[in-house]
Amino acid sequence: MITQKPSEPDVTLADGEMERDVLQHTHSRPAPRRWWVIPAGIIILILLAWGITRLVSGNANAAHYLTAPVAYTNISASVEETGTVNPVNEVDVGTQVSGTISSLSVDFNSLVRKGQVLATLDETPFKASAIQAHGAVAAAQSNAAAASSSAQQSAAAERPRVRMAQLRASQRPEAKQGAEAQG
């Protein structure tokens, strides 16, 4: 349902009646309230309080920024922490020989390839062992040569005796044959 106020007829009144009519309209109808005045006042008060506190406290807590032009550079940063470090992959490495390490070719957590030399052992004990082994081989060869020479000398000395024994043995069967023939 739509209601409309009927329009007032245009009637011209005398001056006195017009003033009385205007006064009656003003007093009978309340003035329109402006609802936005109170919230606007509260907002203004809040902004005013914020501005005053900002001026009083100064910029002591304000962030200070250092700016620089954009450029490619190296960033060096280090972090020091405490705790336990656990490896991602753990591999047991062994050697065929043991000894003192003279040089280390890789660092901790380095990537290595199959066949890559990781460490070099001190060669001094191994060279001494090799020299000692060569000496032992030479001594064994010398002993073998001496034994061979002794065997040859013994064989040479025994040859005449063996020859004599063979001759005696060969003469005995002839003597046995001759004795058997006579008898």
C-alpha atoms as a PDB file:
ATOM      1  CA  MET A   1       0.000   0.000   0.000  1.00  0.00           C
ATOM      2  CA  ILE A   2       1.360   3.346  -1.058  1.00  0.00           C
ATOM      3  CA  THR A   3       0.451   6.451   0.772  1.00  0.00           C
ATOM      4  CA  GLN A   4       1.099   9.898  -0.394  1.00  0.00           C
ATOM      5  CA  LYS A   5       0.651  13.150   1.238  1.00  0.00           C
ATOM      6  CA  PRO A   6      -1.903  15.134  -0.555  1.00  0.00           C
ATOM      7  CA  SER A   7      -0.391  18.223  -1.984  1.00  0.00           C
ATOM      8  CA  GLU A   8      -1.413  21.421  -0.327  1.00  0.00           C
ATOM      9  CA  PRO A   9      -3.479  23.674  -2.394  1.00  0.00           C
ATOM     10  CA  ASP A  10      -1.940  26.921  -3.446  1.00  0.00           C
ATOM     11  CA  VAL A  11      -3.817  29.387  -1.438  1.00  0.00           C
ATOM     12  CA  THR A  12      -2.605  32.875  -0.905  1.00  0.00           C
ATOM     13  CA  LEU A  13      -3.101  34.130   2.574  1.00  0.00           C
ATOM     14  CA  ALA A  14      -2.661  37.415   4.119  1.00  0.00           C
ATOM     15  CA  ASP A  15       0.681  38.299   5.677  1.00  0.00           C
ATOM     16  CA  GLY A  16      -0.414  37.662   9.213  1.00  0.00           C
ATOM     17  CA  GLU A  17      -1.875  34.332   8.458  1.00  0.00           C
ATOM     18  CA  MET A  18       1.299  33.248   6.710  1.00  0.00           C
ATOM     19  CA  GLU A  19       3.523  33.995   9.662  1.00  0.00           C
ATOM     20  CA  ARG A  20       1.219  32.172  12.013  1.00  0.00           C
ATOM     21  CA  ASP A  21       1.155  29.198   9.669  1.00  0.00           C
ATOM     22  CA  VAL A  22       4.971  29.103   9.365  1.00  0.00           C
ATOM     23  CA  LEU A  23       5.323  29.235  13.141  1.00  0.00           C
ATOM     24  CA  GLN A  24       2.881  26.404  13.566  1.00  0.00           C
ATOM     25  CA  HIS A  25       4.744  24.251  11.050  1.00  0.00           C
ATOM     26  CA  THR A  26       8.072  24.855  12.738  1.00  0.00           C
ATOM     27  CA  HIS A  27       6.877  23.976  16.224  1.00  0.00           C
ATOM     28  CA  SER A  28       4.669  21.090  15.315  1.00  0.00           C
ATOM     29  CA  ARG A  29       7.287  19.172  13.299  1.00  0.00           C
ATOM     30  CA  PRO A  30      10.611  18.131  14.945  1.00  0.00           C
ATOM     31  CA  ALA A  31      13.853  19.020  13.164  1.00  0.00           C
ATOM     32  CA  PRO A  32      15.419  16.077  11.250  1.00  0.00           C
ATOM     33  CA  ARG A  33      18.163  14.432  13.278  1.00  0.00           C
ATOM     34  CA  ARG A  34      21.497  13.964  11.733  1.00  0.00           C
ATOM     35  CA  TRP A  35      22.481  10.413  12.806  1.00  0.00           C
ATOM     36  CA  TRP A  36      25.987  10.628  11.402  1.00  0.00           C
ATOM     37  CA  VAL A  37      27.082  13.493  13.654  1.00  0.00           C
ATOM     38  CA  ILE A  38      27.763  11.330  16.743  1.00  0.00           C
ATOM     39  CA  PRO A  39      29.867   8.600  14.995  1.00  0.00           C
ATOM     40  CA  ALA A  40      31.772  11.274  13.087  1.00  0.00           C
ATOM     41  CA  GLY A  41      32.530  13.062  16.347  1.00  0.00           C
ATOM     42  CA  ILE A  42      33.795   9.838  17.927  1.00  0.00           C
ATOM     43  CA  ILE A  43      36.044   9.149  14.933  1.00  0.00           C
ATOM     44  CA  ILE A  44      37.419  12.678  15.060  1.00  0.00           C
ATOM     45  CA  LEU A  45      38.159  12.294  18.791  1.00  0.00           C
ATOM     46  CA  ILE A  46      39.961   8.978  18.193  1.00  0.00           C
ATOM     47  CA  LEU A  47      42.085  10.454  15.401  1.00  0.00           C
ATOM     48  CA  LEU A  48      42.887  13.475  17.547  1.00  0.00           C
ATOM     49  CA  ALA A  49      43.988  11.240  20.461  1.00  0.00           C
ATOM     50  CA  TRP A  50      46.148   9.119  18.131  1.00  0.00           C
ATOM     51  CA  GLY A  51      47.818  12.212  16.647  1.00  0.00           C
ATOM     52  CA  ILE A  52      48.580  13.651  20.081  1.00  0.00           C
ATOM     53  CA  THR A  53      50.126  10.385  21.341  1.00  0.00           C
ATOM     54  CA  ARG A  54      52.181  10.125  18.162  1.00  0.00           C
ATOM     55  CA  LEU A  55      53.546  13.639  18.624  1.00  0.00           C
ATOM     56  CA  VAL A  56      54.262  13.147  22.331  1.00  0.00           C
ATOM     57  CA  SER A  57      56.023   9.776  21.990  1.00  0.00           C
ATOM     58  CA  GLY A  58      58.105  10.898  19.016  1.00  0.00           C
ATOM     59  CA  ASN A  59      59.397   8.398  16.488  1.00  0.00           C
ATOM     60  CA  ALA A  60      61.438   6.301  18.934  1.00  0.00           C
ATOM     61  CA  ASN A  61      59.705   3.042  17.985  1.00  0.00           C
ATOM     62  CA  ALA A  62      59.360   3.848  14.310  1.00  0.00           C
ATOM     63  CA  ALA A  63      61.143   1.527  11.893  1.00  0.00           C
ATOM     64  CA  HIS A  64      64.249   2.939  10.279  1.00  0.00           C
ATOM     65  CA  TYR A  65      65.015   1.636   6.799  1.00  0.00           C
ATOM     66  CA  LEU A  66      68.369   1.647   5.049  1.00  0.00           C
ATOM     67  CA  THR A  67      68.038   1.682   1.290  1.00  0.00           C
ATOM     68  CA  ALA A  68      70.602   0.914  -1.379  1.00  0.00           C
ATOM     69  CA  PRO A  69      70.502   0.592  -5.147  1.00  0.00           C
ATOM     70  CA  VAL A  70      69.896  -2.879  -6.565  1.00  0.00           C
ATOM     71  CA  ALA A  71      73.112  -4.750  -7.458  1.00  0.00           C
ATOM     72  CA  TYR A  72      74.401  -8.311  -7.853  1.00  0.00           C
ATOM     73  CA  THR A  73      76.685  -9.187  -4.919  1.00  0.00           C
ATOM     74  CA  ASN A  74      77.729 -12.156  -2.829  1.00  0.00           C
ATOM     75  CA  ILE A  75      75.939 -12.608   0.455  1.00  0.00           C
ATOM     76  CA  SER A  76      78.096 -13.842   3.277  1.00  0.00           C
ATOM     77  CA  ALA A  77      76.195 -15.025   6.289  1.00  0.00           C
ATOM     78  CA  SER A  78      76.993 -17.564   8.945  1.00  0.00           C
ATOM     79  CA  VAL A  79      74.788 -19.281  11.450  1.00  0.00           C
ATOM     80  CA  GLU A  80      76.110 -20.749  14.684  1.00  0.00           C
ATOM     81  CA  GLU A  81      73.897 -23.321  16.311  1.00  0.00           C
ATOM     82  CA  THR A  82      74.257 -26.116  18.810  1.00  0.00           C
ATOM     83  CA  GLY A  83      72.739 -29.538  18.533  1.00  0.00           C
ATOM     84  CA  THR A  84      73.203 -32.959  17.015  1.00  0.00           C
ATOM     85  CA  VAL A  85      73.790 -33.299  13.301  1.00  0.00           C
ATOM     86  CA  ASN A  86      72.562 -36.544  11.758  1.00  0.00           C
ATOM     87  CA  PRO A  87      73.821 -37.676   8.346  1.00  0.00           C
ATOM     88  CA  VAL A  88      71.476 -38.179   5.428  1.00  0.00           C
ATOM     89  CA  ASN A  89      73.472 -41.170   4.139  1.00  0.00           C
ATOM     90  CA  GLU A  90      76.031 -43.081   6.159  1.00  0.00           C
ATOM     91  CA  VAL A  91      78.644 -45.279   4.489  1.00  0.00           C
ATOM     92  CA  ASP A  92      81.302 -47.422   6.168  1.00  0.00           C
ATOM     93  CA  VAL A  93      84.691 -47.020   4.489  1.00  0.00           C
ATOM     94  CA  GLY A  94      87.505 -49.503   5.008  1.00  0.00           C
ATOM     95  CA  THR A  95      91.026 -50.008   3.755  1.00  0.00           C
ATOM     96  CA  GLN A  96      93.075 -53.064   2.896  1.00  0.00           C
ATOM     97  CA  VAL A  97      96.037 -51.736   4.882  1.00  0.00           C
ATOM     98  CA  SER A  98      96.364 -49.513   7.897  1.00  0.00           C
ATOM     99  CA  GLY A  99      98.805 -46.742   8.573  1.00  0.00           C
ATOM    100  CA  THR A 100      99.304 -43.057   9.195  1.00  0.00           C
ATOM    101  CA  ILE A 101      97.504 -40.691   6.792  1.00  0.00           C
ATOM    102  CA  SER A 102      99.932 -38.292   5.108  1.00  0.00           C
ATOM    103  CA  SER A 103      97.377 -36.364   2.995  1.00  0.00           C
ATOM    104  CA  LEU A 104      93.599 -36.133   2.856  1.00  0.00           C
ATOM    105  CA  SER A 105      92.123 -35.358  -0.579  1.00  0.00           C
ATOM    106  CA  VAL A 106      88.485 -34.740   0.435  1.00  0.00           C
ATOM    107  CA  ASP A 107      86.687 -32.770   3.111  1.00  0.00           C
ATOM    108  CA  PHE A 108      83.867 -33.725   5.453  1.00  0.00           C
ATOM    109  CA  ASN A 109      80.545 -34.164   3.560  1.00  0.00           C
ATOM    110  CA  SER A 110      82.277 -33.983   0.161  1.00  0.00           C
ATOM    111  CA  LEU A 111      80.763 -35.825  -2.776  1.00  0.00           C
ATOM    112  CA  VAL A 112      83.095 -38.561  -4.004  1.00  0.00           C
ATOM    113  CA  ARG A 113      83.146 -40.818  -7.046  1.00  0.00           C
ATOM    114  CA  LYS A 114      84.010 -44.484  -7.406  1.00  0.00           C
ATOM    115  CA  GLY A 115      87.772 -44.938  -7.663  1.00  0.00           C
ATOM    116  CA  GLN A 116      88.599 -41.466  -6.329  1.00  0.00           C
ATOM    117  CA  VAL A 117      91.591 -41.260  -3.965  1.00  0.00           C
ATOM    118  CA  LEU A 118      90.330 -40.165  -0.567  1.00  0.00           C
ATOM    119  CA  ALA A 119      93.537 -40.303   1.468  1.00  0.00           C
ATOM    120  CA  THR A 120      97.220 -41.147   1.015  1.00  0.00           C
ATOM    121  CA  LEU A 121      99.049 -43.183   3.639  1.00  0.00           C
ATOM    122  CA  ASP A 122     102.614 -42.466   4.794  1.00  0.00           C
ATOM    123  CA  GLU A 123     104.884 -44.599   2.592  1.00  0.00           C
ATOM    124  CA  THR A 124     107.856 -44.865   4.982  1.00  0.00           C
ATOM    125  CA  PRO A 125     106.790 -48.056   6.827  1.00  0.00           C
ATOM    126  CA  PHE A 126     105.779 -49.706   3.551  1.00  0.00           C
ATOM    127  CA  LYS A 127     109.110 -48.845   1.881  1.00  0.00           C
ATOM    128  CA  ALA A 128     110.974 -50.237   4.888  1.00  0.00           C
ATOM    129  CA  SER A 129     108.916 -53.447   4.691  1.00  0.00           C
ATOM    130  CA  ALA A 130     109.608 -53.692   0.948  1.00  0.00           C
ATOM    131  CA  ILE A 131     113.367 -53.231   1.490  1.00  0.00           C
ATOM    132  CA  GLN A 132     113.288 -55.854   4.244  1.00  0.00           C
ATOM    133  CA  ALA A 133     111.365 -58.260   1.987  1.00  0.00           C
ATOM    134  CA  HIS A 134     113.838 -57.687  -0.880  1.00  0.00           C
ATOM    135  CA  GLY A 135     116.679 -58.397   1.555  1.00  0.00           C
ATOM    136  CA  ALA A 136     114.983 -61.593   2.686  1.00  0.00           C
ATOM    137  CA  VAL A 137     114.538 -62.689  -0.965  1.00  0.00           C
ATOM    138  CA  ALA A 138     118.199 -61.935  -1.716  1.00  0.00           C
ATOM    139  CA  ALA A 139     119.279 -63.909   1.378  1.00  0.00           C
ATOM    140  CA  ALA A 140     117.070 -66.841   0.370  1.00  0.00           C
ATOM    141  CA  GLN A 141     118.477 -66.774  -3.178  1.00  0.00           C
ATOM    142  CA  SER A 142     122.021 -66.659  -1.785  1.00  0.00           C
ATOM    143  CA  ASN A 143     121.270 -69.612   0.517  1.00  0.00           C
ATOM    144  CA  ALA A 144     119.759 -71.507  -2.408  1.00  0.00           C
ATOM    145  CA  ALA A 145     122.842 -70.813  -4.556  1.00  0.00           C
ATOM    146  CA  ALA A 146     125.125 -71.898  -1.727  1.00  0.00           C
ATOM    147  CA  ALA A 147     123.122 -75.081  -1.210  1.00  0.00           C
ATOM    148  CA  SER A 148     123.203 -75.769  -4.950  1.00  0.00           C
ATOM    149  CA  SER A 149     126.958 -75.198  -5.029  1.00  0.00           C
ATOM    150  CA  SER A 150     127.439 -77.488  -2.043  1.00  0.00           C
ATOM    151  CA  ALA A 151     125.283 -80.104  -3.704  1.00  0.00           C
ATOM    152  CA  GLN A 152     127.298 -79.837  -6.908  1.00  0.00           C
ATOM    153  CA  GLN A 153     130.585 -80.082  -4.975  1.00  0.00           C
ATOM    154  CA  SER A 154     129.294 -83.052  -3.047  1.00  0.00           C
ATOM    155  CA  ALA A 155     128.132 -84.680  -6.252  1.00  0.00           C
ATOM    156  CA  ALA A 156     131.489 -84.003  -7.888  1.00  0.00           C
ATOM    157  CA  ALA A 157     133.294 -85.487  -4.908  1.00  0.00           C
ATOM    158  CA  GLU A 158     131.037 -88.508  -4.903  1.00  0.00           C
ATOM    159  CA  ARG A 159     131.339 -89.195  -8.625  1.00  0.00           C
ATOM    160  CA  PRO A 160     134.720 -90.874  -8.397  1.00  0.00           C
ATOM    161  CA  ARG A 161     133.513 -92.960  -5.478  1.00  0.00           C
ATOM    162  CA  VAL A 162     130.349 -93.895  -7.333  1.00  0.00           C
ATOM    163  CA  ARG A 163     132.425 -94.725 -10.399  1.00  0.00           C
ATOM    164  CA  MET A 164     134.704 -96.886  -8.356  1.00  0.00           C
ATOM    165  CA  ALA A 165     131.747 -98.617  -6.746  1.00  0.00           C
ATOM    166  CA  GLN A 166     130.215 -99.205 -10.146  1.00  0.00           C
ATOM    167  CA  LEU A 167     133.493-100.627 -11.451  1.00  0.00           C
ATOM    168  CA  ARG A 168     133.853-102.921  -8.492  1.00  0.00           C
ATOM    169  CA  ALA A 169     130.287-104.029  -8.896  1.00  0.00           C
ATOM    170  CA  SER A 170     130.813-104.677 -12.556  1.00  0.00           C
ATOM    171  CA  GLN A 171     133.938-106.700 -11.887  1.00  0.00           C
ATOM    172  CA  ARG A 172     132.244-108.883  -9.360  1.00  0.00           C
ATOM    173  CA  PRO A 173     129.678-110.343 -11.739  1.00  0.00           C
ATOM    174  CA  GLU A 174     132.488-111.189 -14.211  1.00  0.00           C
ATOM    175  CA  ALA A 175     134.365-112.828 -11.425  1.00  0.00           C
ATOM    176  CA  LYS A 176     131.225-114.665 -10.414  1.00  0.00           C
ATOM    177  CA  GLN A 177     130.648-115.767 -13.971  1.00  0.00           C
ATOM    178  CA  GLY A 178     134.245-116.942 -14.293  1.00  0.00           C
ATOM    179  CA  ALA A 179     134.058-118.881 -11.071  1.00  0.00           C
ATOM    180  CA  GLU A 180     130.845-120.484 -12.083  1.00  0.00           C
ATOM    181  CA  ALA A 181     132.336-121.437 -15.424  1.00  0.00           C
ATOM    182  CA  GLN A 182     135.261-123.178 -13.686  1.00  0.00           C
ATOM    183  CA  GLY A 183     133.254-124.901 -11.232  1.00  0.00           C
END
